[in-house]
PDB file of N, CA and C in Angstrom:
ATOM      1  N   MET A   1     -12.947   1.656  -2.257  1.00  0.00           N
ATOM      2  CA  MET A   1     -13.641   2.387  -1.533  1.00  0.00           C
ATOM      3  C   MET A   1     -14.985   1.852  -1.300  1.00  0.00           C
ATOM      4  N   GLU A   2     -15.437   1.404  -2.511  1.00  0.00           N
ATOM      5  CA  GLU A   2     -16.829   0.741  -2.382  1.00  0.00           C
ATOM      6  C   GLU A   2     -16.843  -0.355  -1.576  1.00  0.00           C
ATOM      7  N   ARG A   3     -16.132  -0.960  -1.609  1.00  0.00           N
ATOM      8  CA  ARG A   3     -16.139  -2.600  -0.973  1.00  0.00           C
ATOM      9  C   ARG A   3     -15.956  -2.245   0.490  1.00  0.00           C
ATOM     10  N   LEU A   4     -14.938  -1.124   0.825  1.00  0.00           N
ATOM     11  CA  LEU A   4     -15.288  -1.125   2.362  1.00  0.00           C
ATOM     12  C   LEU A   4     -16.323  -0.233   2.730  1.00  0.00           C
ATOM     13  N   MET A   5     -16.839   0.541   2.181  1.00  0.00           N
ATOM     14  CA  MET A   5     -18.424   1.151   2.433  1.00  0.00           C
ATOM     15  C   MET A   5     -19.438  -0.191   2.674  1.00  0.00           C
ATOM     16  N   GLN A   6     -19.352  -1.315   1.590  1.00  0.00           N
ATOM     17  CA  GLN A   6     -20.262  -2.008   1.704  1.00  0.00           C
ATOM     18  C   GLN A   6     -20.185  -3.298   2.985  1.00  0.00           C
ATOM     19  N   ALA A   7     -18.937  -3.522   3.249  1.00  0.00           N
ATOM     20  CA  ALA A   7     -18.699  -4.027   4.545  1.00  0.00           C
ATOM     21  C   ALA A   7     -18.644  -3.272   5.693  1.00  0.00           C
ATOM     22  N   ARG A   8     -18.932  -1.930   5.713  1.00  0.00           N
ATOM     23  CA  ARG A   8     -18.909  -1.206   6.667  1.00  0.00           C
ATOM     24  C   ARG A   8     -20.708  -1.588   7.189  1.00  0.00           C
ATOM     25  N   GLU A   9     -21.509  -1.648   5.962  1.00  0.00           N
ATOM     26  CA  GLU A   9     -22.819  -1.370   6.174  1.00  0.00           C
ATOM     27  C   GLU A   9     -23.176  -2.834   6.466  1.00  0.00           C
ATOM     28  N   ARG A  10     -22.713  -3.819   5.967  1.00  0.00           N
ATOM     29  CA  ARG A  10     -22.741  -5.212   6.378  1.00  0.00           C
ATOM     30  C   ARG A  10     -22.919  -5.380   7.941  1.00  0.00           C
ATOM     31  N   PHE A  11     -21.346  -5.046   8.462  1.00  0.00           N
ATOM     32  CA  PHE A  11     -21.292  -4.950   9.964  1.00  0.00           C
ATOM     33  C   PHE A  11     -22.050  -4.392  10.565  1.00  0.00           C
ATOM     34  N   GLU A  12     -22.888  -2.682  10.276  1.00  0.00           N
ATOM     35  CA  GLU A  12     -23.317  -2.379  10.991  1.00  0.00           C
ATOM     36  C   GLU A  12     -24.631  -2.796  11.030  1.00  0.00           C
ATOM     37  N   GLU A  13     -25.357  -3.642  10.348  1.00  0.00           N
ATOM     38  CA  GLU A  13     -26.520  -4.283  10.310  1.00  0.00           C
ATOM     39  C   GLU A  13     -26.463  -5.345  11.278  1.00  0.00           C
ATOM     40  N   ARG A  14     -25.435  -5.772  11.829  1.00  0.00           N
ATOM     41  CA  ARG A  14     -25.656  -7.063  12.819  1.00  0.00           C
ATOM     42  C   ARG A  14     -26.568  -6.803  13.904  1.00  0.00           C
ATOM     43  N   PRO A  15     -27.107  -7.835  14.819  1.00  0.00           N
ATOM     44  CA  PRO A  15     -27.981  -7.593  15.768  1.00  0.00           C
ATOM     45  C   PRO A  15     -26.714  -7.300  16.835  1.00  0.00           C
ATOM     46  N   SER A  16     -25.589  -7.780  16.876  1.00  0.00           N
ATOM     47  CA  SER A  16     -24.874  -7.446  17.573  1.00  0.00           C
ATOM     48  C   SER A  16     -24.235  -5.884  18.097  1.00  0.00           C
ATOM     49  N   ARG A  17     -24.559  -4.869  17.017  1.00  0.00           N
ATOM     50  CA  ARG A  17     -24.176  -3.696  17.031  1.00  0.00           C
ATOM     51  C   ARG A  17     -25.389  -3.065  17.722  1.00  0.00           C
ATOM     52  N   ALA A  18     -26.234  -3.433  18.355  1.00  0.00           N
ATOM     53  CA  ALA A  18     -26.955  -2.853  19.174  1.00  0.00           C
ATOM     54  C   ALA A  18     -26.537  -1.921  20.317  1.00  0.00           C
ATOM     55  N   PRO A  19     -27.038  -0.942  20.795  1.00  0.00           N
ATOM     56  CA  PRO A  19     -26.723  -0.085  22.017  1.00  0.00           C
ATOM     57  C   PRO A  19     -26.403  -1.030  23.086  1.00  0.00           C
ATOM     58  N   ALA A  20     -25.599  -0.490  24.059  1.00  0.00           N
ATOM     59  CA  ALA A  20     -25.667  -1.298  25.482  1.00  0.00           C
ATOM     60  C   ALA A  20     -26.968  -1.030  26.306  1.00  0.00           C
ATOM     61  N   PRO A  21     -27.256  -1.731  27.156  1.00  0.00           N
ATOM     62  CA  PRO A  21     -28.766  -1.411  27.984  1.00  0.00           C
ATOM     63  C   PRO A  21     -28.059  -0.479  28.828  1.00  0.00           C
ATOM     64  N   ALA A  22     -29.086   0.324  29.067  1.00  0.00           N
ATOM     65  CA  ALA A  22     -28.689   1.753  29.761  1.00  0.00           C
ATOM     66  C   ALA A  22     -28.476   1.427  31.498  1.00  0.00           C
ATOM     67  N   ASP A  23     -29.063   0.261  31.546  1.00  0.00           N
ATOM     68  CA  ASP A  23     -28.718  -0.122  33.023  1.00  0.00           C
ATOM     69  C   ASP A  23     -27.411  -0.893  33.520  1.00  0.00           C
ATOM     70  N   LEU A  24     -26.546  -0.709  32.484  1.00  0.00           N
ATOM     71  CA  LEU A  24     -25.330  -1.422  32.895  1.00  0.00           C
ATOM     72  C   LEU A  24     -24.322  -0.745  33.921  1.00  0.00           C
ATOM     73  N   PRO A  25     -23.616  -0.853  34.827  1.00  0.00           N
ATOM     74  CA  PRO A  25     -22.706  -0.053  35.315  1.00  0.00           C
ATOM     75  C   PRO A  25     -21.804   0.468  34.619  1.00  0.00           C
ATOM     76  N   GLU A  26     -21.348   1.590  34.839  1.00  0.00           N
ATOM     77  CA  GLU A  26     -20.509   2.466  34.079  1.00  0.00           C
ATOM     78  C   GLU A  26     -18.912   1.910  34.063  1.00  0.00           C
ATOM     79  N   LYS A  27     -18.655   0.925  34.754  1.00  0.00           N
ATOM     80  CA  LYS A  27     -17.483   0.456  34.543  1.00  0.00           C
ATOM     81  C   LYS A  27     -17.394  -0.862  34.698  1.00  0.00           C
ATOM     82  N   TYR A  28     -18.489  -1.244  34.072  1.00  0.00           N
ATOM     83  CA  TYR A  28     -18.762  -3.149  33.474  1.00  0.00           C
ATOM     84  C   TYR A  28     -18.022  -3.487  32.565  1.00  0.00           C
ATOM     85  N   PRO A  29     -17.067  -4.816  33.728  1.00  0.00           N
ATOM     86  CA  PRO A  29     -16.005  -5.186  32.713  1.00  0.00           C
ATOM     87  C   PRO A  29     -15.878  -5.918  31.531  1.00  0.00           C
ATOM     88  N   VAL A  30     -16.743  -5.567  30.592  1.00  0.00           N
ATOM     89  CA  VAL A  30     -17.134  -6.076  29.299  1.00  0.00           C
ATOM     90  C   VAL A  30     -16.162  -7.020  28.517  1.00  0.00           C
ATOM     91  N   ARG A  31     -14.976  -6.293  28.501  1.00  0.00           N
ATOM     92  CA  ARG A  31     -13.885  -6.556  27.734  1.00  0.00           C
ATOM     93  C   ARG A  31     -12.961  -7.764  28.433  1.00  0.00           C
ATOM     94  N   GLU A  32     -13.024  -7.967  29.970  1.00  0.00           N
ATOM     95  CA  GLU A  32     -12.670  -9.055  30.720  1.00  0.00           C
ATOM     96  C   GLU A  32     -13.606 -10.210  30.736  1.00  0.00           C
ATOM     97  N   TYR A  33     -14.412 -10.028  30.536  1.00  0.00           N
ATOM     98  CA  TYR A  33     -15.739 -11.142  30.515  1.00  0.00           C
ATOM     99  C   TYR A  33     -15.650 -11.586  28.925  1.00  0.00           C
ATOM    100  N   VAL A  34     -15.986 -10.950  28.023  1.00  0.00           N
ATOM    101  CA  VAL A  34     -15.658 -11.410  26.611  1.00  0.00           C
ATOM    102  C   VAL A  34     -14.556 -12.262  26.275  1.00  0.00           C
ATOM    103  N   GLY A  35     -13.329 -11.816  26.930  1.00  0.00           N
ATOM    104  CA  GLY A  35     -11.953 -12.304  26.933  1.00  0.00           C
ATOM    105  C   GLY A  35     -12.204 -13.665  27.731  1.00  0.00           C
ATOM    106  N   ALA A  36     -12.384 -13.556  28.841  1.00  0.00           N
ATOM    107  CA  ALA A  36     -12.490 -14.965  29.635  1.00  0.00           C
ATOM    108  C   ALA A  36     -13.479 -16.043  28.889  1.00  0.00           C
ATOM    109  N   MET A  37     -14.392 -15.745  28.161  1.00  0.00           N
ATOM    110  CA  MET A  37     -15.574 -16.396  27.694  1.00  0.00           C
ATOM    111  C   MET A  37     -15.016 -16.944  26.140  1.00  0.00           C
ATOM    112  N   ALA A  38     -14.207 -16.352  25.902  1.00  0.00           N
ATOM    113  CA  ALA A  38     -13.490 -16.455  24.386  1.00  0.00           C
ATOM    114  C   ALA A  38     -12.760 -17.216  24.513  1.00  0.00           C
ATOM    115  N   ALA A  39     -11.926 -17.604  25.598  1.00  0.00           N
ATOM    116  CA  ALA A  39     -11.091 -18.639  25.978  1.00  0.00           C
ATOM    117  C   ALA A  39     -11.395 -19.618  26.182  1.00  0.00           C
ATOM    118  N   GLU A  40     -12.743 -19.852  26.836  1.00  0.00           N
ATOM    119  CA  GLU A  40     -13.429 -21.204  27.322  1.00  0.00           C
ATOM    120  C   GLU A  40     -13.652 -21.671  26.187  1.00  0.00           C
ATOM    121  N   LEU A  41     -14.497 -20.789  25.310  1.00  0.00           N
ATOM    122  CA  LEU A  41     -14.578 -21.441  23.762  1.00  0.00           C
ATOM    123  C   LEU A  41     -13.850 -22.049  23.464  1.00  0.00           C
ATOM    124  N   ALA A  42     -13.064 -21.355  23.154  1.00  0.00           N
ATOM    125  CA  ALA A  42     -11.589 -21.751  22.275  1.00  0.00           C
ATOM    126  C   ALA A  42     -11.223 -23.219  22.513  1.00  0.00           C
ATOM    127  N   GLN A  43     -11.247 -23.366  24.204  1.00  0.00           N
ATOM    128  CA  GLN A  43     -10.829 -24.808  24.778  1.00  0.00           C
ATOM    129  C   GLN A  43     -11.926 -25.839  24.279  1.00  0.00           C
ATOM    130  N   MET A  44     -13.012 -25.517  24.431  1.00  0.00           N
ATOM    131  CA  MET A  44     -14.545 -26.072  23.739  1.00  0.00           C
ATOM    132  C   MET A  44     -13.878 -26.651  22.339  1.00  0.00           C
ATOM    133  N   ALA A  45     -13.858 -25.785  21.467  1.00  0.00           N
ATOM    134  CA  ALA A  45     -13.615 -25.947  20.225  1.00  0.00           C
ATOM    135  C   ALA A  45     -12.716 -27.039  19.843  1.00  0.00           C
ATOM    136  N   ARG A  46     -11.251 -26.777  20.426  1.00  0.00           N
ATOM    137  CA  ARG A  46     -10.487 -27.205  20.775  1.00  0.00           C
ATOM    138  C   ARG A  46     -10.918 -29.131  20.762  1.00  0.00           C
ATOM    139  N   PHE A  47     -11.391 -29.020  21.943  1.00  0.00           N
ATOM    140  CA  PHE A  47     -11.601 -30.213  22.487  1.00  0.00           C
ATOM    141  C   PHE A  47     -12.648 -30.968  21.485  1.00  0.00           C
ATOM    142  N   ASN A  48     -13.603 -30.400  20.535  1.00  0.00           N
ATOM    143  CA  ASN A  48     -13.877 -31.125  19.563  1.00  0.00           C
ATOM    144  C   ASN A  48     -13.084 -31.124  17.892  1.00  0.00           C
ATOM    145  N   GLY A  49     -11.903 -30.927  18.239  1.00  0.00           N
ATOM    146  CA  GLY A  49     -11.371 -31.064  17.016  1.00  0.00           C
ATOM    147  C   GLY A  49     -11.548 -29.895  15.914  1.00  0.00           C
ATOM    148  N   ASP A  50     -11.832 -28.618  16.230  1.00  0.00           N
ATOM    149  CA  ASP A  50     -12.049 -27.475  15.391  1.00  0.00           C
ATOM    150  C   ASP A  50     -10.884 -26.477  15.629  1.00  0.00           C
ATOM    151  N   GLU A  51      -9.974 -26.583  15.237  1.00  0.00           N
ATOM    152  CA  GLU A  51      -8.459 -25.936  15.515  1.00  0.00           C
ATOM    153  C   GLU A  51      -8.817 -24.647  15.025  1.00  0.00           C
ATOM    154  N   PRO A  52      -9.182 -24.683  13.744  1.00  0.00           N
ATOM    155  CA  PRO A  52      -9.336 -23.227  13.006  1.00  0.00           C
ATOM    156  C   PRO A  52     -10.146 -21.992  14.132  1.00  0.00           C
ATOM    157  N   LEU A  53     -11.267 -22.751  14.545  1.00  0.00           N
ATOM    158  CA  LEU A  53     -12.256 -21.905  15.418  1.00  0.00           C
ATOM    159  C   LEU A  53     -11.564 -21.947  16.441  1.00  0.00           C
ATOM    160  N   ALA A  54     -10.763 -22.428  17.471  1.00  0.00           N
ATOM    161  CA  ALA A  54     -10.017 -22.463  18.547  1.00  0.00           C
ATOM    162  C   ALA A  54      -9.134 -21.106  18.438  1.00  0.00           C
ATOM    163  N   ARG A  55      -8.023 -21.305  17.069  1.00  0.00           N
ATOM    164  CA  ARG A  55      -7.341 -20.078  16.980  1.00  0.00           C
ATOM    165  C   ARG A  55      -8.035 -18.824  17.008  1.00  0.00           C
ATOM    166  N   LEU A  56      -9.201 -18.673  16.180  1.00  0.00           N
ATOM    167  CA  LEU A  56     -10.172 -17.452  16.121  1.00  0.00           C
ATOM    168  C   LEU A  56     -10.576 -17.190  17.563  1.00  0.00           C
ATOM    169  N   LEU A  57     -10.905 -18.062  18.219  1.00  0.00           N
ATOM    170  CA  LEU A  57     -11.318 -17.491  19.551  1.00  0.00           C
ATOM    171  C   LEU A  57     -10.202 -17.089  20.812  1.00  0.00           C
ATOM    172  N   ASP A  58      -9.384 -17.709  20.375  1.00  0.00           N
ATOM    173  CA  ASP A  58      -7.960 -17.436  21.203  1.00  0.00           C
ATOM    174  C   ASP A  58      -7.635 -15.931  20.870  1.00  0.00           C
ATOM    175  N   ALA A  59      -7.675 -15.735  19.406  1.00  0.00           N
ATOM    176  CA  ALA A  59      -7.097 -14.257  19.086  1.00  0.00           C
ATOM    177  C   ALA A  59      -8.285 -13.180  19.392  1.00  0.00           C
ATOM    178  N   ALA A  60      -9.394 -13.319  20.046  1.00  0.00           N
ATOM    179  CA  ALA A  60     -10.482 -12.659  20.092  1.00  0.00           C
ATOM    180  C   ALA A  60     -10.231 -12.424  21.798  1.00  0.00           C
ATOM    181  N   ALA A  61      -9.622 -13.641  22.652  1.00  0.00           N
ATOM    182  CA  ALA A  61      -9.221 -13.493  24.039  1.00  0.00           C
ATOM    183  C   ALA A  61      -8.026 -12.611  23.932  1.00  0.00           C
ATOM    184  N   ALA A  62      -7.100 -12.642  23.318  1.00  0.00           N
ATOM    185  CA  ALA A  62      -5.774 -11.996  23.290  1.00  0.00           C
ATOM    186  C   ALA A  62      -6.294 -10.474  22.868  1.00  0.00           C
ATOM    187  N   LEU A  63      -7.229 -10.222  21.962  1.00  0.00           N
ATOM    188  CA  LEU A  63      -7.617  -8.753  21.474  1.00  0.00           C
ATOM    189  C   LEU A  63      -8.573  -8.275  22.759  1.00  0.00           C
ATOM    190  N   SER A  64      -8.576  -9.135  23.508  1.00  0.00           N
ATOM    191  CA  SER A  64      -9.738  -7.972  24.759  1.00  0.00           C
ATOM    192  C   SER A  64      -8.600  -7.568  25.648  1.00  0.00           C
ATOM    193  N   GLN A  65      -7.152  -8.204  25.474  1.00  0.00           N
ATOM    194  CA  GLN A  65      -6.381  -7.570  26.600  1.00  0.00           C
ATOM    195  C   GLN A  65      -5.505  -6.756  26.318  1.00  0.00           C
ATOM    196  N   GLN A  66      -6.050  -6.216  24.979  1.00  0.00           N
ATOM    197  CA  GLN A  66      -5.291  -4.920  24.141  1.00  0.00           C
ATOM    198  C   GLN A  66      -6.109  -3.576  24.547  1.00  0.00           C
ATOM    199  N   PRO A  67      -5.497  -2.511  24.534  1.00  0.00           N
ATOM    200  CA  PRO A  67      -6.322  -1.316  25.097  1.00  0.00           C
ATOM    201  C   PRO A  67      -7.241  -1.168  23.499  1.00  0.00           C
ATOM    202  N   PRO A  68      -8.462  -0.797  23.934  1.00  0.00           N
ATOM    203  CA  PRO A  68      -9.685  -0.936  22.943  1.00  0.00           C
ATOM    204  C   PRO A  68      -9.445   0.522  22.015  1.00  0.00           C
ATOM    205  N   ILE A  69      -9.643   0.082  20.627  1.00  0.00           N
ATOM    206  CA  ILE A  69      -9.312   0.759  19.386  1.00  0.00           C
ATOM    207  C   ILE A  69     -10.538   1.320  18.625  1.00  0.00           C
ATOM    208  N   PRO A  70     -11.109   2.221  17.936  1.00  0.00           N
ATOM    209  CA  PRO A  70     -12.073   2.413  17.129  1.00  0.00           C
ATOM    210  C   PRO A  70     -12.250   1.431  15.639  1.00  0.00           C
ATOM    211  N   LEU A  71     -13.186   0.803  15.084  1.00  0.00           N
ATOM    212  CA  LEU A  71     -12.953  -0.061  14.334  1.00  0.00           C
ATOM    213  C   LEU A  71     -12.759   0.826  12.937  1.00  0.00           C
ATOM    214  N   PHE A  72     -13.654   1.810  13.191  1.00  0.00           N
ATOM    215  CA  PHE A  72     -13.150   2.598  11.688  1.00  0.00           C
ATOM    216  C   PHE A  72     -12.744   3.955  12.673  1.00  0.00           C
ATOM    217  N   ALA A  73     -12.335   5.436  11.666  1.00  0.00           N
ATOM    218  CA  ALA A  73     -12.035   6.560  12.126  1.00  0.00           C
ATOM    219  C   ALA A  73     -13.061   7.435  12.625  1.00  0.00           C
ATOM    220  N   ASP A  74     -14.401   7.358  12.397  1.00  0.00           N
ATOM    221  CA  ASP A  74     -15.301   8.092  12.826  1.00  0.00           C
ATOM    222  C   ASP A  74     -15.982   7.839  13.910  1.00  0.00           C
ATOM    223  N   GLU A  75     -15.935   6.400  14.552  1.00  0.00           N
ATOM    224  CA  GLU A  75     -16.164   5.878  15.993  1.00  0.00           C
ATOM    225  C   GLU A  75     -15.574   6.287  16.796  1.00  0.00           C
ATOM    226  N   PRO A  76     -16.523   6.310  17.894  1.00  0.00           N
ATOM    227  CA  PRO A  76     -15.852   6.886  19.248  1.00  0.00           C
ATOM    228  C   PRO A  76     -15.006   5.353  19.826  1.00  0.00           C
ATOM    229  N   THR A  77     -14.027   5.524  20.530  1.00  0.00           N
ATOM    230  CA  THR A  77     -12.967   4.268  21.121  1.00  0.00           C
ATOM    231  C   THR A  77     -14.436   3.295  21.789  1.00  0.00           C
ATOM    232  N   PRO A  78     -13.985   1.809  21.593  1.00  0.00           N
ATOM    233  CA  PRO A  78     -14.803   0.847  22.261  1.00  0.00           C
ATOM    234  C   PRO A  78     -15.002   1.131  23.664  1.00  0.00           C
ATOM    235  N   GLY A  79     -16.149   0.841  24.513  1.00  0.00           N
ATOM    236  CA  GLY A  79     -16.030   1.191  26.223  1.00  0.00           C
ATOM    237  C   GLY A  79     -16.582   2.802  26.420  1.00  0.00           C
ATOM    238  N   ASP A  80     -16.368   3.574  25.343  1.00  0.00           N
ATOM    239  CA  ASP A  80     -16.950   5.401  25.704  1.00  0.00           C
ATOM    240  C   ASP A  80     -18.634   5.128  25.200  1.00  0.00           C
ATOM    241  N   ARG A  81     -19.060   5.078  26.221  1.00  0.00           N
ATOM    242  CA  ARG A  81     -20.697   5.248  26.063  1.00  0.00           C
ATOM    243  C   ARG A  81     -21.294   6.187  26.369  1.00  0.00           C
ATOM    244  N   PRO A  82     -22.253   6.671  25.260  1.00  0.00           N
ATOM    245  CA  PRO A  82     -22.605   8.082  25.729  1.00  0.00           C
ATOM    246  C   PRO A  82     -23.562   8.138  27.053  1.00  0.00           C
ATOM    247  N   SER A  83     -23.376   9.629  27.661  1.00  0.00           N
ATOM    248  CA  SER A  83     -24.318   8.999  28.993  1.00  0.00           C
ATOM    249  C   SER A  83     -25.467   9.697  29.199  1.00  0.00           C
TER     250      SER A  83
END
């Protein structure tokens, strides 16, 4: 349990965990954009011979096509921004 808490603390410290800017439209297609970008980055990694990175980016692109789920049980579903 302690390792899980430490992992969560490290995850929450990342700069990418900052809240979204308030001026984004309500239905901004973030998952679609991230998926498309991940697919393009996977192609670039594969072109450069980095197959492990390409596979990870392919997984991110595939995940973006799935319904959003919270990473931790006490978090809101991704995409549910506070009003």
